[in-house]
Amino acid sequence: MTEPLAAPHVLEYPYHRSVGPVIGRFLAALRDRRIVGVRAVDGRVLVPPIEYDPNTSESLSEIVPLADTGVVTSWTWITKPRPQHPLDRPFAFALIRIDGADTAMLHAVDAGGEGAMSTGMRVRARWRAETEGAITDIVCFEPEVS
């Protein structure tokens, strides 16, 4: 019997995306432990910032500095985190409207327990010790202590 012909091949799509000036400013701000948004044509502040207005398609470029605090607008509890999740213990994925923004961004909240989570709760970013300019520079959000 003859061996079958084999031609090993790895299919991959290596590429690097240019982040551009708007997303680049957002990532640079994260590296500096700051959060920024972008002002839309109608005056709303969008975070994370986007390059084009979702209603008019016009280019956006007015960067708006924001707080690293916000309000939980919606959430779901993760009882058994998976290896790719941001925390290795139970936590919430939440939509967080950053103070000064008109939209919410998705991130993890380390509340300590499901009973501590609530819509409307105030949270603050917990920053990574060594930042690099990525969304993971925010480890998670945690309940804000008054």
C-alpha atoms as a PDB file:
ATOM      1  CA  MET A   1       0.000   0.000   0.000  1.00  0.00           C
ATOM      2  CA  THR A   2       1.323   3.449  -0.830  1.00  0.00           C
ATOM      3  CA  GLU A   3       1.277   6.310   1.615  1.00  0.00           C
ATOM      4  CA  PRO A   4      -1.314   9.005   0.864  1.00  0.00           C
ATOM      5  CA  LEU A   5       0.015  12.276  -0.435  1.00  0.00           C
ATOM      6  CA  ALA A   6       0.018  14.861   2.346  1.00  0.00           C
ATOM      7  CA  ALA A   7       0.646  18.576   2.118  1.00  0.00           C
ATOM      8  CA  PRO A   8       0.410  20.224   5.549  1.00  0.00           C
ATOM      9  CA  HIS A   9      -0.861  23.757   5.321  1.00  0.00           C
ATOM     10  CA  VAL A  10      -1.582  26.345   7.998  1.00  0.00           C
ATOM     11  CA  LEU A  11      -4.359  28.742   7.104  1.00  0.00           C
ATOM     12  CA  GLU A  12      -3.916  32.075   8.849  1.00  0.00           C
ATOM     13  CA  TYR A  13      -4.618  35.730   8.271  1.00  0.00           C
ATOM     14  CA  PRO A  14      -1.855  37.689   9.971  1.00  0.00           C
ATOM     15  CA  TYR A  15      -2.513  41.404   9.846  1.00  0.00           C
ATOM     16  CA  HIS A  16      -2.256  44.483  11.989  1.00  0.00           C
ATOM     17  CA  ARG A  17      -5.060  47.026  12.101  1.00  0.00           C
ATOM     18  CA  SER A  18      -4.143  50.659  12.204  1.00  0.00           C
ATOM     19  CA  VAL A  19      -6.165  52.174  15.026  1.00  0.00           C
ATOM     20  CA  GLY A  20      -6.345  55.657  13.524  1.00  0.00           C
ATOM     21  CA  PRO A  21      -6.445  58.979  15.364  1.00  0.00           C
ATOM     22  CA  VAL A  22      -9.682  58.517  17.360  1.00  0.00           C
ATOM     23  CA  ILE A  23      -9.213  54.981  18.661  1.00  0.00           C
ATOM     24  CA  GLY A  24      -5.494  55.689  19.000  1.00  0.00           C
ATOM     25  CA  ARG A  25      -6.240  58.581  21.371  1.00  0.00           C
ATOM     26  CA  PHE A  26      -8.590  56.331  23.373  1.00  0.00           C
ATOM     27  CA  LEU A  27      -5.896  53.653  23.740  1.00  0.00           C
ATOM     28  CA  ALA A  28      -3.208  56.222  24.591  1.00  0.00           C
ATOM     29  CA  ALA A  29      -5.490  57.669  27.269  1.00  0.00           C
ATOM     30  CA  LEU A  30      -6.007  54.199  28.746  1.00  0.00           C
ATOM     31  CA  ARG A  31      -2.222  53.809  28.911  1.00  0.00           C
ATOM     32  CA  ASP A  32      -2.220  57.021  30.985  1.00  0.00           C
ATOM     33  CA  ARG A  33      -5.070  55.690  33.190  1.00  0.00           C
ATOM     34  CA  ARG A  34      -7.651  58.038  31.676  1.00  0.00           C
ATOM     35  CA  ILE A  35     -10.882  57.447  29.750  1.00  0.00           C
ATOM     36  CA  VAL A  36     -11.897  59.614  26.795  1.00  0.00           C
ATOM     37  CA  GLY A  37     -14.878  59.697  24.477  1.00  0.00           C
ATOM     38  CA  VAL A  38     -15.705  61.483  21.238  1.00  0.00           C
ATOM     39  CA  ARG A  39     -18.391  64.108  20.629  1.00  0.00           C
ATOM     40  CA  ALA A  40     -20.993  63.149  18.016  1.00  0.00           C
ATOM     41  CA  VAL A  41     -22.545  65.652  15.612  1.00  0.00           C
ATOM     42  CA  ASP A  42     -25.652  65.940  17.838  1.00  0.00           C
ATOM     43  CA  GLY A  43     -23.492  66.689  20.910  1.00  0.00           C
ATOM     44  CA  ARG A  44     -23.672  63.260  22.545  1.00  0.00           C
ATOM     45  CA  VAL A  45     -20.424  61.860  23.951  1.00  0.00           C
ATOM     46  CA  LEU A  46     -19.704  58.314  22.784  1.00  0.00           C
ATOM     47  CA  VAL A  47     -17.436  55.914  24.657  1.00  0.00           C
ATOM     48  CA  PRO A  48     -15.609  53.943  23.516  1.00  0.00           C
ATOM     49  CA  PRO A  49     -15.067  56.568  20.839  1.00  0.00           C
ATOM     50  CA  ILE A  50     -15.790  55.764  17.218  1.00  0.00           C
ATOM     51  CA  GLU A  51     -14.502  57.375  14.039  1.00  0.00           C
ATOM     52  CA  TYR A  52     -17.817  58.120  12.342  1.00  0.00           C
ATOM     53  CA  ASP A  53     -21.133  59.428  13.649  1.00  0.00           C
ATOM     54  CA  PRO A  54     -23.600  56.509  13.753  1.00  0.00           C
ATOM     55  CA  ASN A  55     -26.479  58.762  12.622  1.00  0.00           C
ATOM     56  CA  THR A  56     -24.868  60.965   9.963  1.00  0.00           C
ATOM     57  CA  SER A  57     -21.684  59.042   8.984  1.00  0.00           C
ATOM     58  CA  GLU A  58     -19.684  62.258   9.436  1.00  0.00           C
ATOM     59  CA  SER A  59     -16.116  61.952  10.718  1.00  0.00           C
ATOM     60  CA  LEU A  60     -15.711  62.506  14.433  1.00  0.00           C
ATOM     61  CA  SER A  61     -12.589  63.926  16.037  1.00  0.00           C
ATOM     62  CA  GLU A  62     -13.481  66.019  19.113  1.00  0.00           C
ATOM     63  CA  ILE A  63     -12.000  64.021  21.989  1.00  0.00           C
ATOM     64  CA  VAL A  64     -13.724  64.551  25.347  1.00  0.00           C
ATOM     65  CA  PRO A  65     -11.969  63.738  28.645  1.00  0.00           C
ATOM     66  CA  LEU A  66     -14.128  61.704  31.011  1.00  0.00           C
ATOM     67  CA  ALA A  67     -14.019  60.371  34.553  1.00  0.00           C
ATOM     68  CA  ASP A  68     -13.020  56.809  35.398  1.00  0.00           C
ATOM     69  CA  THR A  69     -16.309  56.380  37.245  1.00  0.00           C
ATOM     70  CA  GLY A  70     -19.785  55.588  36.028  1.00  0.00           C
ATOM     71  CA  VAL A  71     -23.137  53.908  36.523  1.00  0.00           C
ATOM     72  CA  VAL A  72     -24.135  50.311  35.742  1.00  0.00           C
ATOM     73  CA  THR A  73     -27.049  50.397  33.285  1.00  0.00           C
ATOM     74  CA  SER A  74     -27.404  46.633  32.778  1.00  0.00           C
ATOM     75  CA  TRP A  75     -25.511  43.536  33.888  1.00  0.00           C
ATOM     76  CA  THR A  76     -25.309  39.755  33.908  1.00  0.00           C
ATOM     77  CA  TRP A  77     -23.607  37.596  36.520  1.00  0.00           C
ATOM     78  CA  ILE A  78     -20.892  35.117  35.544  1.00  0.00           C
ATOM     79  CA  THR A  79     -20.905  32.325  38.139  1.00  0.00           C
ATOM     80  CA  LYS A  80     -18.193  30.152  36.591  1.00  0.00           C
ATOM     81  CA  PRO A  81     -15.595  32.240  34.765  1.00  0.00           C
ATOM     82  CA  ARG A  82     -13.803  30.617  31.854  1.00  0.00           C
ATOM     83  CA  PRO A  83     -10.063  30.891  31.232  1.00  0.00           C
ATOM     84  CA  GLN A  84     -10.498  33.733  28.702  1.00  0.00           C
ATOM     85  CA  HIS A  85     -12.566  35.876  31.083  1.00  0.00           C
ATOM     86  CA  PRO A  86     -10.968  38.933  32.705  1.00  0.00           C
ATOM     87  CA  LEU A  87     -11.374  37.645  36.297  1.00  0.00           C
ATOM     88  CA  ASP A  88     -10.819  34.185  37.769  1.00  0.00           C
ATOM     89  CA  ARG A  89     -13.705  34.448  40.254  1.00  0.00           C
ATOM     90  CA  PRO A  90     -17.429  35.181  39.835  1.00  0.00           C
ATOM     91  CA  PHE A  91     -18.058  38.681  38.421  1.00  0.00           C
ATOM     92  CA  ALA A  92     -20.530  40.658  36.323  1.00  0.00           C
ATOM     93  CA  PHE A  93     -20.304  41.770  32.743  1.00  0.00           C
ATOM     94  CA  ALA A  94     -21.980  45.173  32.753  1.00  0.00           C
ATOM     95  CA  LEU A  95     -22.833  48.069  30.523  1.00  0.00           C
ATOM     96  CA  ILE A  96     -21.311  51.077  32.263  1.00  0.00           C
ATOM     97  CA  ARG A  97     -22.231  54.645  31.348  1.00  0.00           C
ATOM     98  CA  ILE A  98     -19.061  56.542  32.164  1.00  0.00           C
ATOM     99  CA  ASP A  99     -19.685  59.879  33.910  1.00  0.00           C
ATOM    100  CA  GLY A 100     -19.841  62.529  31.190  1.00  0.00           C
ATOM    101  CA  ALA A 101     -20.767  60.038  28.435  1.00  0.00           C
ATOM    102  CA  ASP A 102     -24.124  59.401  26.792  1.00  0.00           C
ATOM    103  CA  THR A 103     -23.472  55.785  25.830  1.00  0.00           C
ATOM    104  CA  ALA A 104     -22.394  52.750  27.827  1.00  0.00           C
ATOM    105  CA  MET A 105     -19.370  50.514  27.401  1.00  0.00           C
ATOM    106  CA  LEU A 106     -19.121  46.836  28.249  1.00  0.00           C
ATOM    107  CA  HIS A 107     -16.657  45.781  30.942  1.00  0.00           C
ATOM    108  CA  ALA A 108     -16.277  43.505  33.951  1.00  0.00           C
ATOM    109  CA  VAL A 109     -17.369  44.488  37.464  1.00  0.00           C
ATOM    110  CA  ASP A 110     -15.769  42.850  40.504  1.00  0.00           C
ATOM    111  CA  ALA A 111     -18.549  43.363  43.050  1.00  0.00           C
ATOM    112  CA  GLY A 112     -17.580  40.529  45.385  1.00  0.00           C
ATOM    113  CA  GLY A 113     -20.903  38.745  44.977  1.00  0.00           C
ATOM    114  CA  GLU A 114     -24.057  38.751  42.887  1.00  0.00           C
ATOM    115  CA  GLY A 115     -26.041  40.301  45.738  1.00  0.00           C
ATOM    116  CA  ALA A 116     -23.788  43.363  45.621  1.00  0.00           C
ATOM    117  CA  MET A 117     -24.623  44.076  41.956  1.00  0.00           C
ATOM    118  CA  SER A 118     -27.478  46.346  40.965  1.00  0.00           C
ATOM    119  CA  THR A 119     -28.568  48.458  38.048  1.00  0.00           C
ATOM    120  CA  GLY A 120     -27.782  52.068  38.924  1.00  0.00           C
ATOM    121  CA  MET A 121     -24.807  51.250  41.161  1.00  0.00           C
ATOM    122  CA  ARG A 122     -21.789  53.524  40.916  1.00  0.00           C
ATOM    123  CA  VAL A 123     -18.483  51.978  39.892  1.00  0.00           C
ATOM    124  CA  ARG A 124     -14.862  53.059  39.488  1.00  0.00           C
ATOM    125  CA  ALA A 125     -12.157  51.656  37.186  1.00  0.00           C
ATOM    126  CA  ARG A 126      -9.478  49.444  38.728  1.00  0.00           C
ATOM    127  CA  TRP A 127      -6.345  50.069  36.660  1.00  0.00           C
ATOM    128  CA  ARG A 128      -3.638  47.523  35.872  1.00  0.00           C
ATOM    129  CA  ALA A 129      -0.280  48.234  37.552  1.00  0.00           C
ATOM    130  CA  GLU A 130       1.548  48.253  34.201  1.00  0.00           C
ATOM    131  CA  THR A 131      -0.496  49.793  31.378  1.00  0.00           C
ATOM    132  CA  GLU A 132       0.161  49.354  27.668  1.00  0.00           C
ATOM    133  CA  GLY A 133      -2.620  51.126  25.785  1.00  0.00           C
ATOM    134  CA  ALA A 134      -5.283  48.396  25.630  1.00  0.00           C
ATOM    135  CA  ILE A 135      -8.797  47.990  27.016  1.00  0.00           C
ATOM    136  CA  THR A 136      -7.295  45.475  29.440  1.00  0.00           C
ATOM    137  CA  ASP A 137      -5.493  48.399  31.137  1.00  0.00           C
ATOM    138  CA  ILE A 138      -8.790  48.592  33.022  1.00  0.00           C
ATOM    139  CA  VAL A 139      -8.682  45.312  34.950  1.00  0.00           C
ATOM    140  CA  CYS A 140     -12.351  45.761  35.833  1.00  0.00           C
ATOM    141  CA  PHE A 141     -14.682  48.184  37.548  1.00  0.00           C
ATOM    142  CA  GLU A 142     -15.547  47.901  41.231  1.00  0.00           C
ATOM    143  CA  PRO A 143     -18.233  49.431  43.425  1.00  0.00           C
ATOM    144  CA  GLU A 144     -17.424  53.039  44.242  1.00  0.00           C
ATOM    145  CA  VAL A 145     -16.932  53.679  47.940  1.00  0.00           C
ATOM    146  CA  SER A 146     -18.508  56.939  49.076  1.00  0.00           C
END
